[in-house]
Amino acid sequence: MEDGNEKLGQPVVTNGIPLSKIHHAAFDAHLIGIDPDYRLHVSKRLLSQNDGPMLEALKKLNGEKLRDPLREKDRPDRDRLAARFERFKLAA
């Protein structure tokens, strides 16, 4: 579990991205990833499947960009996102 990772799972604002339970689980399972430019990526293995409206909703996230919080200090840390995104790419 990534939340338990001492380096990546720190409970600080700059390490927070508000996700629903489904999106959080997909993020932890490396089915969706977020690059350091806050762009969403959906794994190829997920994009190739057809399994109903929930999966289609996840697939539509591919290429979308997160909305930046107004305050710079509230934005997710790009270095942590980069490290996490590398794990996403390796899992693909």
PDB file of N, CA and C in Angstrom:
ATOM      1  N   MET A   1       0.836  -1.187   0.000  1.00  0.00           N
ATOM      2  CA  MET A   1       0.000   0.000   0.000  1.00  0.00           C
ATOM      3  C   MET A   1       0.876   1.245   0.000  1.00  0.00           C
ATOM      4  N   GLU A   2       0.594   2.144  -0.906  1.00  0.00           N
ATOM      5  CA  GLU A   2       1.388   3.355  -1.014  1.00  0.00           C
ATOM      6  C   GLU A   2       1.188   4.289   0.175  1.00  0.00           C
ATOM      7  N   ASP A   3       0.020   4.261   0.795  1.00  0.00           N
ATOM      8  CA  ASP A   3      -0.221   5.146   1.933  1.00  0.00           C
ATOM      9  C   ASP A   3       0.720   4.821   3.087  1.00  0.00           C
ATOM     10  N   GLY A   4       1.147   3.577   3.183  1.00  0.00           N
ATOM     11  CA  GLY A   4       2.055   3.166   4.236  1.00  0.00           C
ATOM     12  C   GLY A   4       3.514   3.408   3.902  1.00  0.00           C
ATOM     13  N   ASN A   5       3.802   3.843   2.688  1.00  0.00           N
ATOM     14  CA  ASN A   5       5.166   4.108   2.258  1.00  0.00           C
ATOM     15  C   ASN A   5       5.671   5.345   2.978  1.00  0.00           C
ATOM     16  N   GLU A   6       6.784   5.205   3.708  1.00  0.00           N
ATOM     17  CA  GLU A   6       7.299   6.301   4.513  1.00  0.00           C
ATOM     18  C   GLU A   6       7.598   7.547   3.694  1.00  0.00           C
ATOM     19  N   LYS A   7       8.089   7.367   2.467  1.00  0.00           N
ATOM     20  CA  LYS A   7       8.458   8.510   1.646  1.00  0.00           C
ATOM     21  C   LYS A   7       7.264   9.082   0.871  1.00  0.00           C
ATOM     22  N   LEU A   8       6.405   8.211   0.349  1.00  0.00           N
ATOM     23  CA  LEU A   8       5.311   8.667  -0.512  1.00  0.00           C
ATOM     24  C   LEU A   8       3.985   8.840   0.216  1.00  0.00           C
ATOM     25  N   GLY A   9       3.837   8.258   1.377  1.00  0.00           N
ATOM     26  CA  GLY A   9       2.551   8.273   2.062  1.00  0.00           C
ATOM     27  C   GLY A   9       2.456   9.246   3.218  1.00  0.00           C
ATOM     28  N   GLN A  10       3.175  10.340   3.161  1.00  0.00           N
ATOM     29  CA  GLN A  10       3.170  11.309   4.256  1.00  0.00           C
ATOM     30  C   GLN A  10       1.850  12.075   4.335  1.00  0.00           C
ATOM     31  N   PRO A  11       1.290  12.213   5.543  1.00  0.00           N
ATOM     32  CA  PRO A  11       0.017  12.929   5.708  1.00  0.00           C
ATOM     33  C   PRO A  11       0.214  14.444   5.800  1.00  0.00           C
ATOM     34  N   VAL A  12       0.640  15.050   4.693  1.00  0.00           N
ATOM     35  CA  VAL A  12       0.833  16.493   4.633  1.00  0.00           C
ATOM     36  C   VAL A  12       0.046  17.030   3.447  1.00  0.00           C
ATOM     37  N   VAL A  13      -0.337  18.304   3.489  1.00  0.00           N
ATOM     38  CA  VAL A  13      -1.180  18.891   2.444  1.00  0.00           C
ATOM     39  C   VAL A  13      -0.561  18.713   1.060  1.00  0.00           C
ATOM     40  N   THR A  14       0.745  18.922   0.939  1.00  0.00           N
ATOM     41  CA  THR A  14       1.377  18.828  -0.382  1.00  0.00           C
ATOM     42  C   THR A  14       1.451  17.398  -0.903  1.00  0.00           C
ATOM     43  N   ASN A  15       1.061  16.436  -0.083  1.00  0.00           N
ATOM     44  CA  ASN A  15       1.006  15.050  -0.523  1.00  0.00           C
ATOM     45  C   ASN A  15      -0.440  14.589  -0.666  1.00  0.00           C
ATOM     46  N   GLY A  16      -1.364  15.518  -0.652  1.00  0.00           N
ATOM     47  CA  GLY A  16      -2.773  15.164  -0.697  1.00  0.00           C
ATOM     48  C   GLY A  16      -3.419  15.456  -2.039  1.00  0.00           C
ATOM     49  N   ILE A  17      -4.187  14.506  -2.496  1.00  0.00           N
ATOM     50  CA  ILE A  17      -5.017  14.684  -3.684  1.00  0.00           C
ATOM     51  C   ILE A  17      -6.389  14.140  -3.298  1.00  0.00           C
ATOM     52  N   PRO A  18      -7.427  14.970  -3.316  1.00  0.00           N
ATOM     53  CA  PRO A  18      -8.744  14.476  -2.918  1.00  0.00           C
ATOM     54  C   PRO A  18      -9.307  13.523  -3.975  1.00  0.00           C
ATOM     55  N   LEU A  19      -9.417  12.265  -3.613  1.00  0.00           N
ATOM     56  CA  LEU A  19      -9.930  11.231  -4.513  1.00  0.00           C
ATOM     57  C   LEU A  19     -11.065  10.486  -3.834  1.00  0.00           C
ATOM     58  N   SER A  20     -12.016  10.037  -4.638  1.00  0.00           N
ATOM     59  CA  SER A  20     -13.069   9.170  -4.102  1.00  0.00           C
ATOM     60  C   SER A  20     -12.443   7.820  -3.748  1.00  0.00           C
ATOM     61  N   LYS A  21     -13.175   6.998  -3.053  1.00  0.00           N
ATOM     62  CA  LYS A  21     -12.665   5.681  -2.674  1.00  0.00           C
ATOM     63  C   LYS A  21     -12.281   4.865  -3.912  1.00  0.00           C
ATOM     64  N   ILE A  22     -13.083   4.921  -4.946  1.00  0.00           N
ATOM     65  CA  ILE A  22     -12.813   4.174  -6.180  1.00  0.00           C
ATOM     66  C   ILE A  22     -11.558   4.703  -6.867  1.00  0.00           C
ATOM     67  N   HIS A  23     -11.449   6.024  -6.982  1.00  0.00           N
ATOM     68  CA  HIS A  23     -10.280   6.610  -7.636  1.00  0.00           C
ATOM     69  C   HIS A  23      -9.010   6.383  -6.823  1.00  0.00           C
ATOM     70  N   HIS A  24      -9.133   6.442  -5.495  1.00  0.00           N
ATOM     71  CA  HIS A  24      -7.984   6.191  -4.628  1.00  0.00           C
ATOM     72  C   HIS A  24      -7.503   4.754  -4.803  1.00  0.00           C
ATOM     73  N   ALA A  25      -8.438   3.808  -4.837  1.00  0.00           N
ATOM     74  CA  ALA A  25      -8.060   2.406  -5.026  1.00  0.00           C
ATOM     75  C   ALA A  25      -7.395   2.195  -6.390  1.00  0.00           C
ATOM     76  N   ALA A  26      -7.926   2.844  -7.424  1.00  0.00           N
ATOM     77  CA  ALA A  26      -7.325   2.726  -8.759  1.00  0.00           C
ATOM     78  C   ALA A  26      -5.937   3.353  -8.782  1.00  0.00           C
ATOM     79  N   PHE A  27      -5.750   4.461  -8.080  1.00  0.00           N
ATOM     80  CA  PHE A  27      -4.451   5.127  -7.991  1.00  0.00           C
ATOM     81  C   PHE A  27      -3.448   4.227  -7.260  1.00  0.00           C
ATOM     82  N   ASP A  28      -3.861   3.642  -6.137  1.00  0.00           N
ATOM     83  CA  ASP A  28      -2.980   2.756  -5.370  1.00  0.00           C
ATOM     84  C   ASP A  28      -2.625   1.494  -6.147  1.00  0.00           C
ATOM     85  N   ALA A  29      -3.544   1.038  -7.003  1.00  0.00           N
ATOM     86  CA  ALA A  29      -3.301  -0.172  -7.803  1.00  0.00           C
ATOM     87  C   ALA A  29      -2.582   0.146  -9.114  1.00  0.00           C
ATOM     88  N   HIS A  30      -2.197   1.403  -9.297  1.00  0.00           N
ATOM     89  CA  HIS A  30      -1.499   1.852 -10.514  1.00  0.00           C
ATOM     90  C   HIS A  30      -2.349   1.657 -11.770  1.00  0.00           C
ATOM     91  N   LEU A  31      -3.657   1.759 -11.614  1.00  0.00           N
ATOM     92  CA  LEU A  31      -4.556   1.721 -12.767  1.00  0.00           C
ATOM     93  C   LEU A  31      -4.755   3.118 -13.329  1.00  0.00           C
ATOM     94  N   ILE A  32      -4.607   4.118 -12.471  1.00  0.00           N
ATOM     95  CA  ILE A  32      -4.541   5.509 -12.921  1.00  0.00           C
ATOM     96  C   ILE A  32      -3.293   6.124 -12.301  1.00  0.00           C
ATOM     97  N   GLY A  33      -2.705   7.060 -13.028  1.00  0.00           N
ATOM     98  CA  GLY A  33      -1.521   7.743 -12.544  1.00  0.00           C
ATOM     99  C   GLY A  33      -1.662   9.237 -12.786  1.00  0.00           C
ATOM    100  N   ILE A  34      -0.893  10.011 -12.043  1.00  0.00           N
ATOM    101  CA  ILE A  34      -0.893  11.462 -12.188  1.00  0.00           C
ATOM    102  C   ILE A  34       0.554  11.891 -12.375  1.00  0.00           C
ATOM    103  N   ASP A  35       0.823  12.548 -13.488  1.00  0.00           N
ATOM    104  CA  ASP A  35       2.203  12.958 -13.756  1.00  0.00           C
ATOM    105  C   ASP A  35       2.517  14.269 -13.036  1.00  0.00           C
ATOM    106  N   PRO A  36       3.778  14.700 -13.025  1.00  0.00           N
ATOM    107  CA  PRO A  36       4.148  15.917 -12.299  1.00  0.00           C
ATOM    108  C   PRO A  36       3.513  17.200 -12.832  1.00  0.00           C
ATOM    109  N   ASP A  37       2.919  17.138 -14.015  1.00  0.00           N
ATOM    110  CA  ASP A  37       2.198  18.294 -14.560  1.00  0.00           C
ATOM    111  C   ASP A  37       0.708  18.202 -14.256  1.00  0.00           C
ATOM    112  N   TYR A  38       0.335  17.304 -13.351  1.00  0.00           N
ATOM    113  CA  TYR A  38      -1.040  17.104 -12.882  1.00  0.00           C
ATOM    114  C   TYR A  38      -1.965  16.548 -13.963  1.00  0.00           C
ATOM    115  N   ARG A  39      -1.411  15.831 -14.928  1.00  0.00           N
ATOM    116  CA  ARG A  39      -2.206  15.199 -15.975  1.00  0.00           C
ATOM    117  C   ARG A  39      -2.482  13.749 -15.570  1.00  0.00           C
ATOM    118  N   LEU A  40      -3.728  13.311 -15.802  1.00  0.00           N
ATOM    119  CA  LEU A  40      -4.152  11.953 -15.456  1.00  0.00           C
ATOM    120  C   LEU A  40      -3.849  10.988 -16.593  1.00  0.00           C
ATOM    121  N   HIS A  41      -3.443   9.789 -16.217  1.00  0.00           N
ATOM    122  CA  HIS A  41      -3.157   8.718 -17.171  1.00  0.00           C
ATOM    123  C   HIS A  41      -3.871   7.464 -16.701  1.00  0.00           C
ATOM    124  N   VAL A  42      -4.438   6.743 -17.635  1.00  0.00           N
ATOM    125  CA  VAL A  42      -5.107   5.480 -17.336  1.00  0.00           C
ATOM    126  C   VAL A  42      -4.253   4.373 -17.934  1.00  0.00           C
ATOM    127  N   SER A  43      -4.040   3.307 -17.167  1.00  0.00           N
ATOM    128  CA  SER A  43      -3.177   2.230 -17.630  1.00  0.00           C
ATOM    129  C   SER A  43      -3.725   1.601 -18.915  1.00  0.00           C
ATOM    130  N   LYS A  44      -2.818   1.135 -19.749  1.00  0.00           N
ATOM    131  CA  LYS A  44      -3.203   0.497 -21.014  1.00  0.00           C
ATOM    132  C   LYS A  44      -4.070  -0.724 -20.765  1.00  0.00           C
ATOM    133  N   ARG A  45      -3.760  -1.445 -19.697  1.00  0.00           N
ATOM    134  CA  ARG A  45      -4.561  -2.658 -19.410  1.00  0.00           C
ATOM    135  C   ARG A  45      -5.998  -2.303 -19.073  1.00  0.00           C
ATOM    136  N   LEU A  46      -6.229  -1.136 -18.479  1.00  0.00           N
ATOM    137  CA  LEU A  46      -7.587  -0.688 -18.186  1.00  0.00           C
ATOM    138  C   LEU A  46      -8.261  -0.141 -19.440  1.00  0.00           C
ATOM    139  N   LEU A  47      -7.508   0.606 -20.247  1.00  0.00           N
ATOM    140  CA  LEU A  47      -8.071   1.179 -21.465  1.00  0.00           C
ATOM    141  C   LEU A  47      -8.537   0.112 -22.446  1.00  0.00           C
ATOM    142  N   SER A  48      -7.927  -1.057 -22.404  1.00  0.00           N
ATOM    143  CA  SER A  48      -8.267  -2.113 -23.359  1.00  0.00           C
ATOM    144  C   SER A  48      -9.471  -2.946 -22.929  1.00  0.00           C
ATOM    145  N   GLN A  49      -9.982  -2.710 -21.726  1.00  0.00           N
ATOM    146  CA  GLN A  49     -11.106  -3.500 -21.227  1.00  0.00           C
ATOM    147  C   GLN A  49     -12.436  -2.791 -21.456  1.00  0.00           C
ATOM    148  N   ASN A  50     -13.487  -3.591 -21.517  1.00  0.00           N
ATOM    149  CA  ASN A  50     -14.859  -3.080 -21.601  1.00  0.00           C
ATOM    150  C   ASN A  50     -15.664  -3.750 -20.507  1.00  0.00           C
ATOM    151  N   ASP A  51     -16.146  -2.940 -19.541  1.00  0.00           N
ATOM    152  CA  ASP A  51     -16.821  -3.547 -18.398  1.00  0.00           C
ATOM    153  C   ASP A  51     -17.844  -2.622 -17.769  1.00  0.00           C
ATOM    154  N   GLY A  52     -18.531  -1.844 -18.538  1.00  0.00           N
ATOM    155  CA  GLY A  52     -19.617  -1.054 -17.978  1.00  0.00           C
ATOM    156  C   GLY A  52     -19.287   0.395 -17.703  1.00  0.00           C
ATOM    157  N   PRO A  53     -20.275   1.118 -17.165  1.00  0.00           N
ATOM    158  CA  PRO A  53     -20.172   2.574 -17.029  1.00  0.00           C
ATOM    159  C   PRO A  53     -19.089   3.059 -16.056  1.00  0.00           C
ATOM    160  N   MET A  54     -18.815   2.328 -14.979  1.00  0.00           N
ATOM    161  CA  MET A  54     -17.795   2.776 -14.030  1.00  0.00           C
ATOM    162  C   MET A  54     -16.418   2.752 -14.689  1.00  0.00           C
ATOM    163  N   LEU A  55     -16.129   1.693 -15.402  1.00  0.00           N
ATOM    164  CA  LEU A  55     -14.846   1.600 -16.102  1.00  0.00           C
ATOM    165  C   LEU A  55     -14.762   2.657 -17.191  1.00  0.00           C
ATOM    166  N   GLU A  56     -15.854   2.877 -17.907  1.00  0.00           N
ATOM    167  CA  GLU A  56     -15.847   3.904 -18.959  1.00  0.00           C
ATOM    168  C   GLU A  56     -15.580   5.286 -18.374  1.00  0.00           C
ATOM    169  N   ALA A  57     -16.110   5.552 -17.182  1.00  0.00           N
ATOM    170  CA  ALA A  57     -15.864   6.835 -16.521  1.00  0.00           C
ATOM    171  C   ALA A  57     -14.387   6.984 -16.167  1.00  0.00           C
ATOM    172  N   LEU A  58     -13.778   5.905 -15.673  1.00  0.00           N
ATOM    173  CA  LEU A  58     -12.343   5.952 -15.374  1.00  0.00           C
ATOM    174  C   LEU A  58     -11.532   6.173 -16.646  1.00  0.00           C
ATOM    175  N   LYS A  59     -11.895   5.507 -17.707  1.00  0.00           N
ATOM    176  CA  LYS A  59     -11.160   5.616 -18.971  1.00  0.00           C
ATOM    177  C   LYS A  59     -11.215   7.040 -19.532  1.00  0.00           C
ATOM    178  N   LYS A  60     -12.314   7.732 -19.296  1.00  0.00           N
ATOM    179  CA  LYS A  60     -12.463   9.108 -19.800  1.00  0.00           C
ATOM    180  C   LYS A  60     -11.520  10.085 -19.098  1.00  0.00           C
ATOM    181  N   LEU A  61     -10.941   9.684 -17.972  1.00  0.00           N
ATOM    182  CA  LEU A  61      -9.996  10.547 -17.263  1.00  0.00           C
ATOM    183  C   LEU A  61      -8.662  10.661 -18.003  1.00  0.00           C
ATOM    184  N   ASN A  62      -8.384   9.708 -18.875  1.00  0.00           N
ATOM    185  CA  ASN A  62      -7.093   9.679 -19.558  1.00  0.00           C
ATOM    186  C   ASN A  62      -6.835  10.987 -20.297  1.00  0.00           C
ATOM    187  N   GLY A  63      -5.741  11.655 -19.941  1.00  0.00           N
ATOM    188  CA  GLY A  63      -5.362  12.905 -20.586  1.00  0.00           C
ATOM    189  C   GLY A  63      -5.931  14.154 -19.936  1.00  0.00           C
ATOM    190  N   GLU A  64      -6.874  13.990 -19.024  1.00  0.00           N
ATOM    191  CA  GLU A  64      -7.450  15.149 -18.330  1.00  0.00           C
ATOM    192  C   GLU A  64      -6.424  15.720 -17.347  1.00  0.00           C
ATOM    193  N   LYS A  65      -6.608  16.974 -16.987  1.00  0.00           N
ATOM    194  CA  LYS A  65      -5.694  17.628 -16.049  1.00  0.00           C
ATOM    195  C   LYS A  65      -6.433  17.976 -14.773  1.00  0.00           C
ATOM    196  N   LEU A  66      -5.763  17.745 -13.634  1.00  0.00           N
ATOM    197  CA  LEU A  66      -6.337  18.150 -12.358  1.00  0.00           C
ATOM    198  C   LEU A  66      -6.429  19.666 -12.290  1.00  0.00           C
ATOM    199  N   ARG A  67      -7.423  20.158 -11.612  1.00  0.00           N
ATOM    200  CA  ARG A  67      -7.508  21.599 -11.365  1.00  0.00           C
ATOM    201  C   ARG A  67      -6.541  21.949 -10.245  1.00  0.00           C
ATOM    202  N   ASP A  68      -5.703  22.930 -10.491  1.00  0.00           N
ATOM    203  CA  ASP A  68      -4.738  23.350  -9.478  1.00  0.00           C
ATOM    204  C   ASP A  68      -5.450  24.093  -8.357  1.00  0.00           C
ATOM    205  N   PRO A  69      -5.097  23.765  -7.110  1.00  0.00           N
ATOM    206  CA  PRO A  69      -5.610  24.597  -6.016  1.00  0.00           C
ATOM    207  C   PRO A  69      -5.142  26.032  -6.213  1.00  0.00           C
ATOM    208  N   LEU A  70      -5.911  26.986  -5.776  1.00  0.00           N
ATOM    209  CA  LEU A  70      -5.570  28.395  -5.966  1.00  0.00           C
ATOM    210  C   LEU A  70      -4.260  28.774  -5.285  1.00  0.00           C
ATOM    211  N   ARG A  71      -4.080  28.272  -4.071  1.00  0.00           N
ATOM    212  CA  ARG A  71      -2.859  28.604  -3.335  1.00  0.00           C
ATOM    213  C   ARG A  71      -1.744  27.625  -3.704  1.00  0.00           C
ATOM    214  N   GLU A  72      -0.600  28.153  -4.045  1.00  0.00           N
ATOM    215  CA  GLU A  72       0.564  27.341  -4.424  1.00  0.00           C
ATOM    216  C   GLU A  72       0.906  26.303  -3.355  1.00  0.00           C
ATOM    217  N   LYS A  73       0.820  26.696  -2.082  1.00  0.00           N
ATOM    218  CA  LYS A  73       1.200  25.788  -0.997  1.00  0.00           C
ATOM    219  C   LYS A  73       0.254  24.589  -0.862  1.00  0.00           C
ATOM    220  N   ASP A  74      -0.913  24.654  -1.492  1.00  0.00           N
ATOM    221  CA  ASP A  74      -1.873  23.552  -1.433  1.00  0.00           C
ATOM    222  C   ASP A  74      -1.733  22.569  -2.597  1.00  0.00           C
ATOM    223  N   ARG A  75      -0.852  22.859  -3.534  1.00  0.00           N
ATOM    224  CA  ARG A  75      -0.698  22.007  -4.716  1.00  0.00           C
ATOM    225  C   ARG A  75       0.110  20.763  -4.383  1.00  0.00           C
ATOM    226  N   PRO A  76      -0.227  19.642  -5.009  1.00  0.00           N
ATOM    227  CA  PRO A  76       0.544  18.417  -4.771  1.00  0.00           C
ATOM    228  C   PRO A  76       2.008  18.604  -5.166  1.00  0.00           C
ATOM    229  N   ASP A  77       2.884  18.025  -4.386  1.00  0.00           N
ATOM    230  CA  ASP A  77       4.317  18.113  -4.608  1.00  0.00           C
ATOM    231  C   ASP A  77       4.700  17.386  -5.899  1.00  0.00           C
ATOM    232  N   ARG A  78       5.306  18.098  -6.829  1.00  0.00           N
ATOM    233  CA  ARG A  78       5.664  17.538  -8.138  1.00  0.00           C
ATOM    234  C   ARG A  78       6.699  16.415  -8.027  1.00  0.00           C
ATOM    235  N   ASP A  79       7.626  16.519  -7.079  1.00  0.00           N
ATOM    236  CA  ASP A  79       8.636  15.466  -6.927  1.00  0.00           C
ATOM    237  C   ASP A  79       8.002  14.155  -6.466  1.00  0.00           C
ATOM    238  N   ARG A  80       7.073  14.250  -5.536  1.00  0.00           N
ATOM    239  CA  ARG A  80       6.378  13.029  -5.085  1.00  0.00           C
ATOM    240  C   ARG A  80       5.524  12.452  -6.214  1.00  0.00           C
ATOM    241  N   LEU A  81       4.863  13.336  -6.967  1.00  0.00           N
ATOM    242  CA  LEU A  81       4.071  12.856  -8.103  1.00  0.00           C
ATOM    243  C   LEU A  81       4.970  12.170  -9.131  1.00  0.00           C
ATOM    244  N   ALA A  82       6.151  12.735  -9.373  1.00  0.00           N
ATOM    245  CA  ALA A  82       7.077  12.140 -10.339  1.00  0.00           C
ATOM    246  C   ALA A  82       7.499  10.749  -9.887  1.00  0.00           C
ATOM    247  N   ALA A  83       7.821  10.595  -8.607  1.00  0.00           N
ATOM    248  CA  ALA A  83       8.214   9.285  -8.083  1.00  0.00           C
ATOM    249  C   ALA A  83       7.062   8.292  -8.203  1.00  0.00           C
ATOM    250  N   ARG A  84       5.881   8.731  -7.869  1.00  0.00           N
ATOM    251  CA  ARG A  84       4.700   7.864  -7.948  1.00  0.00           C
ATOM    252  C   ARG A  84       4.368   7.525  -9.396  1.00  0.00           C
ATOM    253  N   PHE A  85       4.543   8.507 -10.296  1.00  0.00           N
ATOM    254  CA  PHE A  85       4.244   8.277 -11.707  1.00  0.00           C
ATOM    255  C   PHE A  85       5.221   7.272 -12.310  1.00  0.00           C
ATOM    256  N   GLU A  86       6.458   7.249 -11.866  1.00  0.00           N
ATOM    257  CA  GLU A  86       7.426   6.247 -12.324  1.00  0.00           C
ATOM    258  C   GLU A  86       6.940   4.854 -11.958  1.00  0.00           C
ATOM    259  N   ARG A  87       6.392   4.697 -10.767  1.00  0.00           N
ATOM    260  CA  ARG A  87       5.837   3.390 -10.343  1.00  0.00           C
ATOM    261  C   ARG A  87       4.652   3.009 -11.220  1.00  0.00           C
ATOM    262  N   PHE A  88       3.810   3.998 -11.550  1.00  0.00           N
ATOM    263  CA  PHE A  88       2.675   3.737 -12.435  1.00  0.00           C
ATOM    264  C   PHE A  88       3.160   3.228 -13.787  1.00  0.00           C
ATOM    265  N   LYS A  89       4.182   3.877 -14.355  1.00  0.00           N
ATOM    266  CA  LYS A  89       4.692   3.466 -15.669  1.00  0.00           C
ATOM    267  C   LYS A  89       5.301   2.071 -15.625  1.00  0.00           C
ATOM    268  N   LEU A  90       5.974   1.727 -14.536  1.00  0.00           N
ATOM    269  CA  LEU A  90       6.561   0.392 -14.409  1.00  0.00           C
ATOM    270  C   LEU A  90       5.491  -0.699 -14.293  1.00  0.00           C
ATOM    271  N   ALA A  91       4.362  -0.344 -13.705  1.00  0.00           N
ATOM    272  CA  ALA A  91       3.286  -1.320 -13.519  1.00  0.00           C
ATOM    273  C   ALA A  91       2.486  -1.547 -14.799  1.00  0.00           C
ATOM    274  N   ALA A  92       2.632  -0.650 -15.763  1.00  0.00           N
ATOM    275  CA  ALA A  92       1.835  -0.723 -16.995  1.00  0.00           C
ATOM    276  C   ALA A  92       2.108  -1.966 -17.810  1.00  0.00           C
TER     277      ALA A  92
END
